[in-house]
Amino acid sequence: MKILQIGQTDLRSEVKLEQSTKWEFWEVEQIAEFLVPYNLPKKPARFNFAAVIFTSTVPAESLKMLQKFLQAYRVVILAGVQLPELVVRYSAWQVTQEQLPHFVKDIERDFFLSQYGDNAAIESVEVARSFQGDIKYRGRHQLELTGDFGTEFKPIATFKRGFYISEKNGIELWPVFEKSAAVELKFVVRLAHVEDIEIQKTLEFSKAQLDEPLILEGLDGNATATVSIWAKGQGTLVLGNINNRLTRHQYGTLIMGGQRFTDHKRQEFFYYFDPGNLKPPLTVYFAGWQPRTGFEGYFMMKRLGHPFILFADPRLEGGSFYLGSAEYETKIKAVIEESLAKLGFTNKELVLSGISMGTTGAIYYGSKIGARAVIVGKPLINLGTIALNNTLHRANEFDTALDLLLLQQGKNSAKAATELDQRMLQALKNSQLTAGQVLAAYMREDDYDGTAFHDLVENLQADQVKVIGHGYTGRHNDASNKVIAWFLKQYELLLQGFEREGQDETDQR
């Protein structure tokens, strides 16, 4: 890990660093000189500092040089140093000199550069042989147990898969479950050293403690955690995935500054807001399907320079297409609207975007909110049809579609598939995308949703919404590089339009 201090006096003697941490000190007057290796035209050095600590005021000219390298939520400013533009633009942390040694320890623990998340599905669950009730699987991601669990707590199920905890990084576990009111449960976590069967520590978490993610720290060395579910009472217990990710404690979920939301059914989504240059538009990117949990498109959106929001959906295997309960969808909409308000923008200064699964989120919430533009690559609208296509047209290639249908509609049937399709089509028919435009790159032989682009054209109000499409030959997973290049080109052209509008406003003033 690397930490950079910019100031007049080197403070490394005031902090105790781990052996693996490198502390670099740059004097304010030498910023331009120190930045030379990072500005080389052919092979620039990577500016991979976990945090940049400002202990002195920096002139505006030097700040301008640094701007393209700084990242939001990774800037620290010592109390009394007047750099208000960094506080706003980079959501900087502010600490006193007395707090600095402790904060540096937090940096070493939580400001790591990577992100990691995954989930343990119910296929790794073993039900206790002593349980005599009914056992029913709901697709690949829910296990329903109904019966008498007894009057005293006893183990009902165990995740056979262990959760790795490194010596340096703790983890967060978020178990997904539903239960009858008469059923009580607790989660029991046992920690052992890697490749050692001897239990070193046992932790118990009650239902009340499960309202927040379970944070597990490592032992003296790398460790493995095993999770078992204990229950008592009578009724039904539905077990789902256990979502697992590296924890950053209070500094963010998955990435620095990342936030999470969960509804009453413990269904999560993650979001991240970056103030960027504070100039219109606000750009929003919905992550595509991915087996590993995490934010997607960070560096792509950051390079655009403007404020942006990232969304990620960790449900099922790879995501659940950003649809959910009324509570779930209202919050996604609120995150976007609140960010617009924070920036002082209107929905005419909003651009939503995504590729593949991310297109569903961009189109759906673009229709709910209204936007200047929606930019999508390989749009997916008819989610029920995608599930039906998995049975023959694209046999067993994308089982998530069947799990999605079950999660959203409560059953797998042709009728349920039609109802799920209508959910998206109705959003298009009632779209708030008035005077907006939809830019879509689509596959002509798309084997997931072959009518998506056609449905965009047919269901959006033609007299108010401009739909521009570019078709590529191939199935859904073909020509990805071409689609991405087209996607980025549309962003480039759109942002040029905003820049011209900004210049026109300046000229008028």
Protein backbone atom coordinates (compact mmCIF):
# COMPACT_ATOMS: atom_id res chain seq x y z
CA MET A 1 0.00 0.00 0.00
CA LYS A 2 1.16 3.54 -0.83
CA ILE A 3 0.15 6.73 0.99
CA LEU A 4 1.02 10.19 -0.36
CA GLN A 5 1.40 13.26 1.84
CA ILE A 6 1.49 16.71 0.20
CA GLY A 7 2.59 19.59 2.44
CA GLN A 8 5.51 21.49 3.92
CA THR A 9 6.61 19.11 6.70
CA ASP A 10 6.94 15.34 6.39
CA LEU A 11 4.72 13.76 9.08
CA ARG A 12 5.70 10.11 8.64
CA SER A 13 7.54 10.17 11.99
CA GLU A 14 4.20 10.86 13.71
CA VAL A 15 2.55 7.69 12.43
CA LYS A 16 3.39 4.04 12.88
CA LEU A 17 3.29 2.28 9.53
CA GLU A 18 3.07 -1.39 8.73
CA GLN A 19 6.15 -2.82 7.07
CA SER A 20 4.31 -3.20 3.74
CA THR A 21 3.14 0.45 3.64
CA LYS A 22 5.13 3.00 1.66
CA TRP A 23 4.84 6.68 2.66
CA GLU A 24 5.72 9.27 0.02
CA PHE A 25 6.12 12.96 0.81
CA TRP A 26 5.83 15.71 -1.82
CA GLU A 27 6.58 19.33 -1.08
CA VAL A 28 3.93 21.71 -2.38
CA GLU A 29 6.42 23.59 -4.56
CA GLN A 30 7.57 20.40 -6.26
CA ILE A 31 4.20 18.95 -7.33
CA ALA A 32 4.79 19.61 -11.03
CA GLU A 33 8.18 17.88 -10.83
CA PHE A 34 6.82 14.85 -8.99
CA LEU A 35 3.95 14.45 -11.46
CA VAL A 36 6.28 14.09 -14.48
CA PRO A 37 6.43 10.22 -14.38
CA TYR A 38 2.62 10.10 -14.25
CA ASN A 39 2.23 12.31 -17.31
CA LEU A 40 4.59 10.48 -19.66
CA PRO A 41 2.94 10.10 -23.10
CA LYS A 42 3.86 6.43 -23.72
CA LYS A 43 4.27 4.58 -20.41
CA PRO A 44 3.02 6.78 -17.56
CA ALA A 45 3.46 5.50 -14.02
CA ARG A 46 0.27 4.39 -12.28
CA PHE A 47 -0.99 6.83 -9.65
CA ASN A 48 -1.98 4.06 -7.25
CA PHE A 49 -1.95 5.79 -3.86
CA ALA A 50 -4.51 4.42 -1.44
CA ALA A 51 -4.91 7.92 0.01
CA VAL A 52 -3.56 11.43 -0.61
CA ILE A 53 -3.15 13.47 2.58
CA PHE A 54 -2.97 17.27 2.30
CA THR A 55 -1.27 18.92 5.28
CA SER A 56 -0.78 22.35 3.68
CA THR A 57 -2.73 24.62 1.36
CA VAL A 58 -1.93 24.01 -2.31
CA PRO A 59 -2.06 26.76 -4.98
CA ALA A 60 -4.85 26.55 -7.55
CA GLU A 61 -2.43 25.85 -10.42
CA SER A 62 -0.96 22.82 -8.62
CA LEU A 63 -4.42 21.57 -7.68
CA LYS A 64 -5.40 21.68 -11.34
CA MET A 65 -2.42 19.43 -12.17
CA LEU A 66 -3.51 16.94 -9.51
CA GLN A 67 -7.20 16.81 -10.37
CA LYS A 68 -7.04 14.06 -12.98
CA PHE A 69 -5.24 11.79 -10.52
CA LEU A 70 -7.26 12.28 -7.34
CA GLN A 71 -10.15 9.94 -6.53
CA ALA A 72 -13.22 10.73 -4.48
CA TYR A 73 -13.21 9.36 -0.92
CA ARG A 74 -9.42 8.87 -1.05
CA VAL A 75 -8.48 12.47 -0.20
CA VAL A 76 -7.65 13.41 3.40
CA ILE A 77 -7.28 17.03 4.57
CA LEU A 78 -5.67 18.05 7.85
CA ALA A 79 -7.83 20.35 10.00
CA GLY A 80 -7.09 24.03 9.36
CA VAL A 81 -5.95 23.48 5.77
CA GLN A 82 -8.18 25.52 3.47
CA LEU A 83 -9.01 23.42 0.43
CA PRO A 84 -12.82 23.68 0.20
CA GLU A 85 -12.89 22.66 -3.49
CA LEU A 86 -11.37 19.27 -2.58
CA VAL A 87 -13.94 18.72 0.17
CA VAL A 88 -16.80 19.18 -2.31
CA ARG A 89 -15.34 17.54 -5.39
CA TYR A 90 -13.66 14.56 -3.75
CA SER A 91 -15.78 14.13 -0.60
CA ALA A 92 -12.56 14.48 1.36
CA TRP A 93 -12.11 13.15 4.89
CA GLN A 94 -11.09 15.83 7.40
CA VAL A 95 -8.98 14.90 10.44
CA THR A 96 -7.00 16.71 13.11
CA GLN A 97 -3.28 16.15 13.55
CA GLU A 98 -4.01 14.26 16.77
CA GLN A 99 -6.41 11.95 14.89
CA LEU A 100 -3.97 11.35 12.03
CA PRO A 101 -2.07 8.31 13.49
CA HIS A 102 -5.35 6.46 14.13
CA PHE A 103 -6.72 7.46 10.73
CA VAL A 104 -3.61 6.15 8.99
CA LYS A 105 -4.24 2.76 10.64
CA ASP A 106 -7.76 2.89 9.16
CA ILE A 107 -6.24 3.69 5.75
CA GLU A 108 -3.98 0.65 5.98
CA ARG A 109 -6.93 -1.54 6.93
CA ASP A 110 -9.77 -0.20 4.75
CA PHE A 111 -8.40 1.89 1.83
CA PHE A 112 -7.15 -1.06 -0.24
CA LEU A 113 -7.47 -0.58 -4.01
CA SER A 114 -9.35 -3.70 -5.09
CA GLN A 115 -12.92 -4.86 -4.50
CA TYR A 116 -14.24 -8.37 -4.00
CA GLY A 117 -17.63 -9.92 -3.44
CA ASP A 118 -19.42 -13.20 -4.17
CA ASN A 119 -22.17 -15.31 -2.68
CA ALA A 120 -22.73 -18.76 -1.30
CA ALA A 121 -25.83 -20.25 -2.90
CA ILE A 122 -28.15 -22.76 -1.24
CA GLU A 123 -26.62 -25.59 -3.28
CA SER A 124 -23.92 -25.53 -0.61
CA VAL A 125 -26.46 -25.89 2.25
CA GLU A 126 -26.77 -29.16 4.14
CA VAL A 127 -30.01 -29.61 6.13
CA ALA A 128 -29.70 -31.32 9.51
CA ARG A 129 -30.79 -34.96 9.44
CA SER A 130 -32.78 -34.36 12.62
CA PHE A 131 -35.16 -32.00 10.81
CA GLN A 132 -38.37 -33.90 10.07
CA GLY A 133 -40.35 -31.16 8.31
CA ASP A 134 -40.89 -30.42 4.62
CA ILE A 135 -37.93 -29.43 2.47
CA LYS A 136 -38.57 -27.60 -0.79
CA TYR A 137 -36.21 -25.94 -3.24
CA ARG A 138 -37.33 -22.75 -4.99
CA GLY A 139 -35.04 -22.60 -7.99
CA ARG A 140 -31.33 -22.42 -7.32
CA HIS A 141 -31.36 -19.68 -4.69
CA GLN A 142 -34.06 -20.43 -2.11
CA LEU A 143 -34.56 -23.35 0.25
CA GLU A 144 -37.88 -23.57 2.11
CA LEU A 145 -38.04 -25.46 5.42
CA THR A 146 -41.49 -25.92 7.00
CA GLY A 147 -42.30 -27.70 10.24
CA ASP A 148 -41.60 -27.86 13.96
CA PHE A 149 -38.09 -26.64 14.76
CA GLY A 150 -38.41 -27.48 18.46
CA THR A 151 -38.68 -25.47 21.66
CA GLU A 152 -34.93 -24.98 22.06
CA PHE A 153 -32.41 -23.63 19.55
CA LYS A 154 -30.75 -26.37 17.52
CA PRO A 155 -28.81 -26.46 14.24
CA ILE A 156 -31.09 -26.71 11.20
CA ALA A 157 -28.76 -26.08 8.26
CA THR A 158 -25.08 -25.47 7.53
CA PHE A 159 -23.34 -23.84 4.58
CA LYS A 160 -20.74 -26.42 3.59
CA ARG A 161 -18.73 -23.73 1.83
CA GLY A 162 -16.34 -21.83 4.09
CA PHE A 163 -15.66 -18.09 3.88
CA TYR A 164 -12.01 -17.06 3.61
CA ILE A 165 -10.79 -14.21 5.85
CA SER A 166 -7.28 -12.90 5.27
CA GLU A 167 -5.11 -11.72 8.11
CA LYS A 168 -5.30 -8.17 6.73
CA ASN A 169 -8.90 -7.83 5.51
CA GLY A 170 -12.11 -8.62 7.33
CA ILE A 171 -15.28 -9.63 5.51
CA GLU A 172 -18.98 -8.78 5.60
CA LEU A 173 -21.65 -11.46 5.40
CA TRP A 174 -25.26 -10.63 4.50
CA PRO A 175 -27.51 -13.68 4.77
CA VAL A 176 -30.78 -13.57 2.82
CA PHE A 177 -33.74 -15.24 4.52
CA GLU A 178 -37.44 -14.96 5.29
CA LYS A 179 -39.31 -16.56 8.19
CA SER A 180 -42.66 -16.96 9.88
CA ALA A 181 -43.25 -14.79 12.94
CA ALA A 182 -43.27 -17.84 15.22
CA VAL A 183 -39.84 -19.00 14.03
CA GLU A 184 -36.79 -17.69 15.89
CA LEU A 185 -33.30 -18.08 14.53
CA LYS A 186 -29.67 -17.27 15.10
CA PHE A 187 -26.55 -17.63 13.02
CA VAL A 188 -23.53 -19.40 14.51
CA VAL A 189 -20.13 -18.67 12.95
CA ARG A 190 -17.06 -20.79 13.71
CA LEU A 191 -13.57 -19.55 12.91
CA ALA A 192 -10.54 -21.74 12.33
CA HIS A 193 -7.11 -21.20 10.85
CA VAL A 194 -6.81 -22.08 7.17
CA GLU A 195 -6.16 -25.83 6.72
CA ASP A 196 -6.89 -26.46 10.41
CA ILE A 197 -10.03 -28.21 11.67
CA GLU A 198 -9.68 -26.96 15.24
CA ILE A 199 -12.22 -24.22 16.02
CA GLN A 200 -10.53 -21.12 17.43
CA LYS A 201 -13.56 -18.91 18.00
CA THR A 202 -17.36 -19.27 17.96
CA LEU A 203 -19.66 -16.29 17.41
CA GLU A 204 -23.44 -16.14 17.72
CA PHE A 205 -25.66 -13.56 16.05
CA SER A 206 -29.29 -13.06 17.02
CA LYS A 207 -32.03 -11.89 14.66
CA ALA A 208 -31.61 -8.32 15.96
CA GLN A 209 -27.88 -8.42 15.13
CA LEU A 210 -28.68 -9.58 11.60
CA ASP A 211 -30.20 -6.22 10.65
CA GLU A 212 -26.69 -5.14 9.67
CA PRO A 213 -24.02 -7.13 7.79
CA LEU A 214 -21.99 -9.48 9.97
CA ILE A 215 -18.42 -8.19 10.11
CA LEU A 216 -15.87 -10.94 10.69
CA GLU A 217 -12.22 -10.20 11.42
CA GLY A 218 -9.41 -12.66 10.87
CA LEU A 219 -7.49 -14.55 13.48
CA ASP A 220 -3.74 -14.36 13.97
CA GLY A 221 -3.20 -15.49 10.40
CA ASN A 222 -5.59 -16.35 7.60
CA ALA A 223 -8.85 -17.97 8.65
CA THR A 224 -11.95 -19.76 7.40
CA ALA A 225 -15.47 -19.10 8.70
CA THR A 226 -18.27 -21.67 8.57
CA VAL A 227 -21.89 -20.64 9.07
CA SER A 228 -24.74 -22.64 10.51
CA ILE A 229 -28.37 -21.62 11.06
CA TRP A 230 -30.08 -22.50 14.34
CA ALA A 231 -33.84 -22.24 14.79
CA LYS A 232 -36.74 -22.92 17.15
CA GLY A 233 -40.51 -22.57 16.94
CA GLN A 234 -43.02 -23.65 14.30
CA GLY A 235 -43.56 -22.34 10.79
CA THR A 236 -41.56 -21.69 7.65
CA LEU A 237 -37.96 -20.60 7.16
CA VAL A 238 -36.77 -19.67 3.68
CA LEU A 239 -33.00 -19.56 3.26
CA GLY A 240 -31.30 -17.71 0.42
CA ASN A 241 -27.75 -16.81 -0.54
CA ILE A 242 -25.18 -15.49 1.86
CA ASN A 243 -23.59 -12.47 0.21
CA ASN A 244 -19.91 -12.13 1.04
CA ARG A 245 -17.54 -9.19 0.42
CA LEU A 246 -14.39 -7.59 1.76
CA THR A 247 -15.36 -5.02 4.37
CA ARG A 248 -14.22 -1.40 4.50
CA HIS A 249 -16.10 -0.83 7.76
CA GLN A 250 -17.46 2.75 7.85
CA TYR A 251 -15.62 3.87 4.70
CA GLY A 252 -17.75 2.23 2.06
CA THR A 253 -19.30 -0.94 0.65
CA LEU A 254 -17.14 -2.76 -1.93
CA ILE A 255 -15.37 0.47 -2.98
CA MET A 256 -14.50 3.65 -1.09
CA GLY A 257 -17.71 5.67 -0.69
CA GLY A 258 -19.95 2.80 -1.86
CA GLN A 259 -23.38 2.58 -0.22
CA ARG A 260 -25.88 -0.25 0.23
CA PHE A 261 -29.64 -0.53 0.53
CA THR A 262 -31.78 -3.46 1.58
CA ASP A 263 -35.54 -3.81 1.59
CA HIS A 264 -37.73 -5.68 4.07
CA LYS A 265 -36.95 -8.96 2.28
CA ARG A 266 -33.19 -8.38 2.68
CA GLN A 267 -32.79 -7.78 -1.06
CA GLU A 268 -29.76 -5.53 -1.63
CA PHE A 269 -28.43 -3.11 -4.18
CA PHE A 270 -25.27 -1.00 -4.05
CA TYR A 271 -24.70 2.52 -5.27
CA TYR A 272 -21.82 4.97 -5.53
CA PHE A 273 -21.93 8.72 -6.14
CA ASP A 274 -18.92 10.67 -7.45
CA PRO A 275 -19.20 14.48 -7.70
CA GLY A 276 -16.82 14.62 -10.69
CA ASN A 277 -16.40 18.15 -12.09
CA LEU A 278 -19.79 19.19 -10.66
CA LYS A 279 -20.91 20.14 -14.20
CA PRO A 280 -23.87 18.67 -16.14
CA PRO A 281 -24.80 16.04 -16.93
CA LEU A 282 -25.17 13.52 -14.13
CA THR A 283 -24.29 10.19 -15.73
CA VAL A 284 -25.62 6.92 -14.32
CA TYR A 285 -24.28 3.46 -15.12
CA PHE A 286 -25.99 0.18 -14.18
CA ALA A 287 -23.61 -2.79 -13.97
CA GLY A 288 -24.19 -5.79 -16.20
CA TRP A 289 -24.53 -9.43 -15.18
CA GLN A 290 -21.44 -10.66 -13.36
CA PRO A 291 -20.90 -13.78 -11.20
CA ARG A 292 -18.64 -11.83 -8.84
CA THR A 293 -20.28 -9.04 -6.87
CA GLY A 294 -18.94 -5.56 -7.51
CA PHE A 295 -19.25 -2.18 -9.13
CA GLU A 296 -18.58 -2.03 -12.86
CA GLY A 297 -17.46 0.83 -15.08
CA TYR A 298 -15.77 3.02 -12.45
CA PHE A 299 -12.78 4.09 -14.54
CA MET A 300 -14.89 4.40 -17.71
CA MET A 301 -17.30 6.82 -16.01
CA LYS A 302 -14.54 8.68 -14.18
CA ARG A 303 -12.74 9.38 -17.46
CA LEU A 304 -15.84 11.18 -18.70
CA GLY A 305 -15.14 13.76 -15.98
CA HIS A 306 -18.74 14.53 -15.02
CA PRO A 307 -20.66 13.55 -11.85
CA PHE A 308 -21.72 9.92 -11.96
CA ILE A 309 -23.59 7.19 -10.12
CA LEU A 310 -22.79 3.48 -10.30
CA PHE A 311 -25.37 0.83 -9.43
CA ALA A 312 -24.72 -2.86 -8.75
CA ASP A 313 -27.21 -5.68 -8.12
CA PRO A 314 -25.78 -8.62 -6.10
CA ARG A 315 -28.90 -10.83 -6.01
CA LEU A 316 -29.20 -14.38 -7.39
CA GLU A 317 -26.24 -15.32 -9.60
CA GLY A 318 -24.97 -12.20 -11.28
CA GLY A 319 -27.91 -9.91 -10.59
CA SER A 320 -31.69 -9.57 -10.74
CA PHE A 321 -31.96 -6.79 -13.36
CA TYR A 322 -32.66 -3.99 -10.83
CA LEU A 323 -36.35 -4.88 -10.44
CA GLY A 324 -37.72 -5.56 -6.99
CA SER A 325 -40.25 -4.57 -4.37
CA ALA A 326 -41.88 -1.15 -4.42
CA GLU A 327 -39.48 -0.20 -1.62
CA TYR A 328 -36.49 -1.41 -3.62
CA GLU A 329 -37.40 0.44 -6.83
CA THR A 330 -38.42 3.63 -5.00
CA LYS A 331 -34.98 3.80 -3.39
CA ILE A 332 -33.10 3.45 -6.71
CA LYS A 333 -35.24 6.25 -8.12
CA ALA A 334 -34.61 8.35 -4.97
CA VAL A 335 -30.82 7.89 -5.19
CA ILE A 336 -30.85 9.38 -8.69
CA GLU A 337 -33.26 12.21 -7.86
CA GLU A 338 -31.44 13.14 -4.66
CA SER A 339 -28.12 13.27 -6.50
CA LEU A 340 -29.66 15.58 -9.12
CA ALA A 341 -30.94 17.84 -6.33
CA LYS A 342 -27.54 17.83 -4.60
CA LEU A 343 -25.89 19.00 -7.80
CA GLY A 344 -28.64 21.50 -8.65
CA PHE A 345 -29.43 19.67 -11.93
CA THR A 346 -32.76 18.84 -13.56
CA ASN A 347 -33.71 15.57 -15.27
CA LYS A 348 -32.84 17.30 -18.57
CA GLU A 349 -29.27 17.06 -17.30
CA LEU A 350 -29.46 13.34 -16.62
CA VAL A 351 -28.07 10.46 -18.72
CA LEU A 352 -28.72 6.82 -17.81
CA SER A 353 -26.78 3.96 -19.34
CA GLY A 354 -25.93 0.29 -19.20
CA ILE A 355 -24.93 -2.76 -21.20
CA SER A 356 -26.86 -6.08 -21.26
CA MET A 357 -28.44 -6.50 -17.78
CA GLY A 358 -27.60 -2.86 -17.07
CA THR A 359 -29.83 -1.76 -19.96
CA THR A 360 -32.90 -2.96 -18.07
CA GLY A 361 -32.10 -0.64 -15.17
CA ALA A 362 -31.27 2.30 -17.47
CA ILE A 363 -34.44 1.95 -19.55
CA TYR A 364 -36.76 1.22 -16.60
CA TYR A 365 -35.63 4.06 -14.35
CA GLY A 366 -35.12 6.39 -17.29
CA SER A 367 -38.79 5.85 -18.05
CA LYS A 368 -39.75 6.40 -14.40
CA ILE A 369 -37.75 9.60 -13.91
CA GLY A 370 -37.31 11.05 -17.37
CA ALA A 371 -33.87 11.89 -18.71
CA ARG A 372 -32.06 13.79 -21.42
CA ALA A 373 -30.84 10.49 -22.85
CA VAL A 374 -30.63 6.76 -22.26
CA ILE A 375 -27.59 5.01 -23.79
CA VAL A 376 -27.74 1.22 -23.94
CA GLY A 377 -25.85 -1.64 -25.54
CA LYS A 378 -27.61 -4.97 -26.16
CA PRO A 379 -30.94 -3.93 -24.58
CA LEU A 380 -32.97 -6.47 -22.58
CA ILE A 381 -36.64 -5.65 -22.00
CA ASN A 382 -38.69 -8.86 -22.16
CA LEU A 383 -37.29 -10.61 -19.11
CA GLY A 384 -40.01 -13.26 -19.09
CA THR A 385 -39.26 -14.12 -22.71
CA ILE A 386 -35.57 -14.50 -21.82
CA ALA A 387 -36.62 -17.14 -19.26
CA LEU A 388 -38.76 -18.98 -21.83
CA ASN A 389 -35.90 -18.88 -24.36
CA ASN A 390 -33.76 -20.69 -21.81
CA THR A 391 -35.84 -23.85 -22.16
CA LEU A 392 -35.28 -24.49 -25.86
CA HIS A 393 -33.99 -21.54 -27.90
CA ARG A 394 -30.96 -21.18 -25.66
CA ALA A 395 -31.25 -24.31 -23.57
CA ASN A 396 -29.79 -24.11 -20.04
CA GLU A 397 -27.38 -21.35 -20.99
CA PHE A 398 -28.67 -18.65 -18.65
CA ASP A 399 -30.45 -20.21 -15.68
CA THR A 400 -30.45 -16.87 -13.86
CA ALA A 401 -33.39 -15.92 -16.10
CA LEU A 402 -35.50 -18.71 -14.56
CA ASP A 403 -34.48 -17.70 -11.04
CA LEU A 404 -35.32 -14.10 -11.91
CA LEU A 405 -38.81 -15.07 -13.07
CA LEU A 406 -39.38 -17.02 -9.86
CA LEU A 407 -38.07 -14.18 -7.66
CA GLN A 408 -40.11 -11.46 -9.37
CA GLN A 409 -43.34 -13.33 -10.06
CA GLY A 410 -43.36 -16.07 -7.42
CA LYS A 411 -43.69 -18.84 -10.02
CA ASN A 412 -42.27 -20.13 -13.30
CA SER A 413 -44.90 -20.37 -16.03
CA ALA A 414 -45.72 -18.94 -19.43
CA LYS A 415 -48.31 -16.67 -17.78
CA ALA A 416 -45.77 -15.40 -15.24
CA ALA A 417 -43.31 -14.74 -18.09
CA THR A 418 -45.91 -12.67 -19.97
CA GLU A 419 -46.68 -10.68 -16.82
CA LEU A 420 -42.99 -9.93 -16.28
CA ASP A 421 -42.65 -8.79 -19.91
CA GLN A 422 -45.61 -6.45 -19.41
CA ARG A 423 -43.98 -4.88 -16.38
CA MET A 424 -41.25 -3.40 -18.59
CA LEU A 425 -43.51 -2.67 -21.56
CA GLN A 426 -45.92 -0.71 -19.37
CA ALA A 427 -43.01 1.35 -18.06
CA LEU A 428 -42.17 2.24 -21.68
CA LYS A 429 -45.77 3.09 -22.55
CA ASN A 430 -46.02 5.39 -19.51
CA SER A 431 -42.51 6.73 -19.99
CA GLN A 432 -41.46 10.14 -18.66
CA LEU A 433 -38.81 10.31 -21.39
CA THR A 434 -40.52 13.27 -22.96
CA ALA A 435 -38.28 15.24 -25.30
CA GLY A 436 -35.53 12.72 -24.55
CA GLN A 437 -33.72 10.21 -26.70
CA VAL A 438 -32.81 6.55 -26.49
CA LEU A 439 -29.57 5.47 -28.16
CA ALA A 440 -29.33 1.71 -28.54
CA ALA A 441 -26.81 -0.69 -30.07
CA TYR A 442 -28.53 -4.05 -30.53
CA MET A 443 -27.80 -7.52 -31.90
CA ARG A 444 -29.90 -8.43 -34.94
CA GLU A 445 -30.01 -12.13 -33.97
CA ASP A 446 -30.17 -11.59 -30.20
CA ASP A 447 -30.96 -14.99 -28.65
CA TYR A 448 -31.91 -13.51 -25.27
CA ASP A 449 -34.43 -10.85 -26.29
CA GLY A 450 -34.86 -10.73 -30.04
CA THR A 451 -37.52 -7.97 -30.06
CA ALA A 452 -36.04 -5.52 -27.53
CA PHE A 453 -35.15 -2.78 -29.99
CA HIS A 454 -38.42 -3.19 -31.86
CA ASP A 455 -40.31 -2.87 -28.56
CA LEU A 456 -38.43 0.31 -27.69
CA VAL A 457 -39.54 1.86 -30.97
CA GLU A 458 -43.11 0.56 -30.74
CA ASN A 459 -43.85 1.44 -27.11
CA LEU A 460 -42.15 4.79 -26.60
CA GLN A 461 -44.14 7.81 -27.69
CA ALA A 462 -42.76 8.44 -31.16
CA ASP A 463 -43.79 12.08 -31.23
CA GLN A 464 -41.84 12.82 -28.06
CA VAL A 465 -38.98 10.32 -27.78
CA LYS A 466 -36.29 9.90 -30.41
CA VAL A 467 -35.03 6.31 -30.67
CA ILE A 468 -31.75 5.84 -32.54
CA GLY A 469 -30.47 2.33 -33.12
CA HIS A 470 -27.39 0.66 -34.52
CA GLY A 471 -27.65 -3.05 -35.30
CA TYR A 472 -24.81 -5.58 -35.32
CA THR A 473 -24.90 -9.07 -36.76
CA GLY A 474 -24.80 -11.80 -34.15
CA ARG A 475 -26.28 -13.21 -30.97
CA HIS A 476 -26.42 -11.49 -27.60
CA ASN A 477 -22.86 -12.24 -26.51
CA ASP A 478 -21.27 -11.47 -29.88
CA ALA A 479 -19.53 -8.24 -31.05
CA SER A 480 -19.07 -6.96 -27.48
CA ASN A 481 -16.05 -4.80 -28.36
CA LYS A 482 -17.94 -3.09 -31.19
CA VAL A 483 -20.93 -2.42 -28.95
CA ILE A 484 -18.75 -0.95 -26.20
CA ALA A 485 -16.93 1.29 -28.71
CA TRP A 486 -20.29 2.51 -30.05
CA PHE A 487 -21.53 3.05 -26.50
CA LEU A 488 -18.55 5.23 -25.58
CA LYS A 489 -18.85 7.19 -28.85
CA GLN A 490 -22.45 8.13 -27.99
CA TYR A 491 -21.31 9.39 -24.61
CA GLU A 492 -18.58 11.43 -26.29
CA LEU A 493 -21.01 13.07 -28.71
CA LEU A 494 -23.58 13.73 -26.01
CA LEU A 495 -21.05 15.36 -23.68
CA GLN A 496 -19.83 17.56 -26.51
CA GLY A 497 -23.41 18.83 -26.81
CA PHE A 498 -23.48 19.69 -23.10
CA GLU A 499 -20.16 21.52 -23.41
CA ARG A 500 -21.47 23.61 -26.32
CA GLU A 501 -24.57 24.48 -24.30
CA GLY A 502 -22.39 25.53 -21.38
CA GLN A 503 -20.32 27.76 -23.67
CA ASP A 504 -23.47 29.31 -25.12
CA GLU A 505 -24.70 30.15 -21.61
CA THR A 506 -21.36 31.77 -20.81
CA ASP A 507 -21.50 33.85 -24.01
CA GLN A 508 -25.03 35.05 -23.18
CA ARG A 509 -23.94 36.18 -19.75
